Structures are given as structure tokens and as C-alpha cells.
């Protein structure tokens, strides 16, 4: 399996991590600020919740995606 490292948990970094994780890749999200990592994970979870609400993905897909991201 290919592991992905995303350096920087800002707007672009969390979006990249989200897309890779949602497509089955293991992702290491890296940032020097733990607060940025926390905010990134909250943003990704919120975006996944939006996809669940629109029936784009299932709740299990959300859980699987979040499990693929390591901070």
C-alpha cells in the first residue's frame, strides 16, 4: 500500500489529505502546530458529515476515511 504524507494542515493540506484518505490511501498529515492538526481533522469531519447528509457517502465511509488519516 502506498502511504501519503501531506505537510501542512491548512485549507489546502486538509483537502488533499481528505481526498487521498477517502480514496483508500493511508495519510500522514503533518504540521508544526497541533492546533492546526486539530482544526484540520474537525474540518475534514465536517465536510464528510455534509457528504453523509447529502447521501453522497455512508456514515461507515466517513469513519473509514477518518481512520485513514494519522496526525
C-alpha atoms as a PDB file:
ATOM      1  CA  UNK A   1       0.000   0.000   0.000  1.00  0.00           C
ATOM      2  CA  UNK A   2       1.165   3.498  -0.764  1.00  0.00           C
ATOM      3  CA  UNK A   3       1.456   5.896   2.163  1.00  0.00           C
ATOM      4  CA  UNK A   4       0.872   9.589   1.571  1.00  0.00           C
ATOM      5  CA  UNK A   5       2.440  12.413   3.604  1.00  0.00           C
ATOM      6  CA  UNK A   6       0.824  15.842   3.474  1.00  0.00           C
ATOM      7  CA  UNK A   7       2.901  18.611   5.014  1.00  0.00           C
ATOM      8  CA  UNK A   8       0.784  21.494   6.225  1.00  0.00           C
ATOM      9  CA  UNK A   9      -2.702  21.104   7.677  1.00  0.00           C
ATOM     10  CA  UNK A  10      -4.145  24.347   6.338  1.00  0.00           C
ATOM     11  CA  UNK A  11      -7.002  24.659   3.856  1.00  0.00           C
ATOM     12  CA  UNK A  12      -5.141  23.020   1.013  1.00  0.00           C
ATOM     13  CA  UNK A  13      -3.411  20.376   3.119  1.00  0.00           C
ATOM     14  CA  UNK A  14      -6.546  19.144   4.834  1.00  0.00           C
ATOM     15  CA  UNK A  15      -8.350  18.999   1.499  1.00  0.00           C
ATOM     16  CA  UNK A  16      -5.575  16.916  -0.037  1.00  0.00           C
ATOM     17  CA  UNK A  17      -5.499  14.597   2.988  1.00  0.00           C
ATOM     18  CA  UNK A  18      -9.299  14.239   2.809  1.00  0.00           C
ATOM     19  CA  UNK A  19      -9.323  13.247  -0.863  1.00  0.00           C
ATOM     20  CA  UNK A  20      -6.469  10.750  -0.553  1.00  0.00           C
ATOM     21  CA  UNK A  21      -7.969   9.142   2.576  1.00  0.00           C
ATOM     22  CA  UNK A  22     -11.418   8.960   1.003  1.00  0.00           C
ATOM     23  CA  UNK A  23      -9.873   7.101  -1.915  1.00  0.00           C
ATOM     24  CA  UNK A  24      -8.301   4.452   0.301  1.00  0.00           C
ATOM     25  CA  UNK A  25      -4.795   5.782   0.925  1.00  0.00           C
ATOM     26  CA  UNK A  26      -3.172   5.900   4.352  1.00  0.00           C
ATOM     27  CA  UNK A  27      -2.326   9.555   5.018  1.00  0.00           C
ATOM     28  CA  UNK A  28       0.094  11.160   7.471  1.00  0.00           C
ATOM     29  CA  UNK A  29      -0.980  14.758   7.985  1.00  0.00           C
ATOM     30  CA  UNK A  30       1.969  16.757   9.311  1.00  0.00           C
ATOM     31  CA  UNK A  31       2.079  20.261  10.765  1.00  0.00           C
ATOM     32  CA  UNK A  32       4.243  22.026  13.339  1.00  0.00           C
ATOM     33  CA  UNK A  33       1.150  23.260  15.184  1.00  0.00           C
ATOM     34  CA  UNK A  34      -1.059  20.719  16.945  1.00  0.00           C
ATOM     35  CA  UNK A  35      -3.923  23.239  16.865  1.00  0.00           C
ATOM     36  CA  UNK A  36      -3.737  23.253  13.059  1.00  0.00           C
ATOM     37  CA  UNK A  37      -3.969  19.455  13.014  1.00  0.00           C
ATOM     38  CA  UNK A  38      -6.984  19.521  15.340  1.00  0.00           C
ATOM     39  CA  UNK A  39      -8.713  22.133  13.186  1.00  0.00           C
ATOM     40  CA  UNK A  40      -7.917  20.163  10.024  1.00  0.00           C
ATOM     41  CA  UNK A  41      -9.477  16.991  11.427  1.00  0.00           C
ATOM     42  CA  UNK A  42     -12.563  18.951  12.503  1.00  0.00           C
ATOM     43  CA  UNK A  43     -12.863  20.444   9.018  1.00  0.00           C
ATOM     44  CA  UNK A  44     -12.487  17.052   7.342  1.00  0.00           C
ATOM     45  CA  UNK A  45     -15.108  15.535   9.673  1.00  0.00           C
ATOM     46  CA  UNK A  46     -17.492  18.430   8.953  1.00  0.00           C
ATOM     47  CA  UNK A  47     -17.028  18.017   5.200  1.00  0.00           C
ATOM     48  CA  UNK A  48     -17.633  14.274   5.491  1.00  0.00           C
ATOM     49  CA  UNK A  49     -20.771  14.960   7.570  1.00  0.00           C
ATOM     50  CA  UNK A  50     -22.004  17.161   4.727  1.00  0.00           C
ATOM     51  CA  UNK A  51     -21.424  14.317   2.263  1.00  0.00           C
ATOM     52  CA  UNK A  52     -23.311  11.901   4.540  1.00  0.00           C
ATOM     53  CA  UNK A  53     -26.232  14.357   4.830  1.00  0.00           C
ATOM     54  CA  UNK A  54     -26.421  14.591   1.030  1.00  0.00           C
ATOM     55  CA  UNK A  55     -26.260  10.770   0.745  1.00  0.00           C
ATOM     56  CA  UNK A  56     -23.038  11.013  -1.267  1.00  0.00           C
ATOM     57  CA  UNK A  57     -21.335   8.635   1.173  1.00  0.00           C
ATOM     58  CA  UNK A  58     -22.471   6.464   4.083  1.00  0.00           C
ATOM     59  CA  UNK A  59     -21.572   7.008   7.740  1.00  0.00           C
ATOM     60  CA  UNK A  60     -19.279   3.965   7.563  1.00  0.00           C
ATOM     61  CA  UNK A  61     -17.381   5.657   4.712  1.00  0.00           C
ATOM     62  CA  UNK A  62     -16.859   8.702   6.924  1.00  0.00           C
ATOM     63  CA  UNK A  63     -15.456   6.545   9.714  1.00  0.00           C
ATOM     64  CA  UNK A  64     -13.192   4.662   7.298  1.00  0.00           C
ATOM     65  CA  UNK A  65     -11.882   7.911   5.829  1.00  0.00           C
ATOM     66  CA  UNK A  66     -11.078   9.418   9.230  1.00  0.00           C
ATOM     67  CA  UNK A  67      -9.343   6.193  10.266  1.00  0.00           C
ATOM     68  CA  UNK A  68      -7.007   6.519   7.270  1.00  0.00           C
ATOM     69  CA  UNK A  69      -5.659   9.881   8.489  1.00  0.00           C
ATOM     70  CA  UNK A  70      -2.858   9.887  11.053  1.00  0.00           C
ATOM     71  CA  UNK A  71      -1.764  13.173  12.631  1.00  0.00           C
END
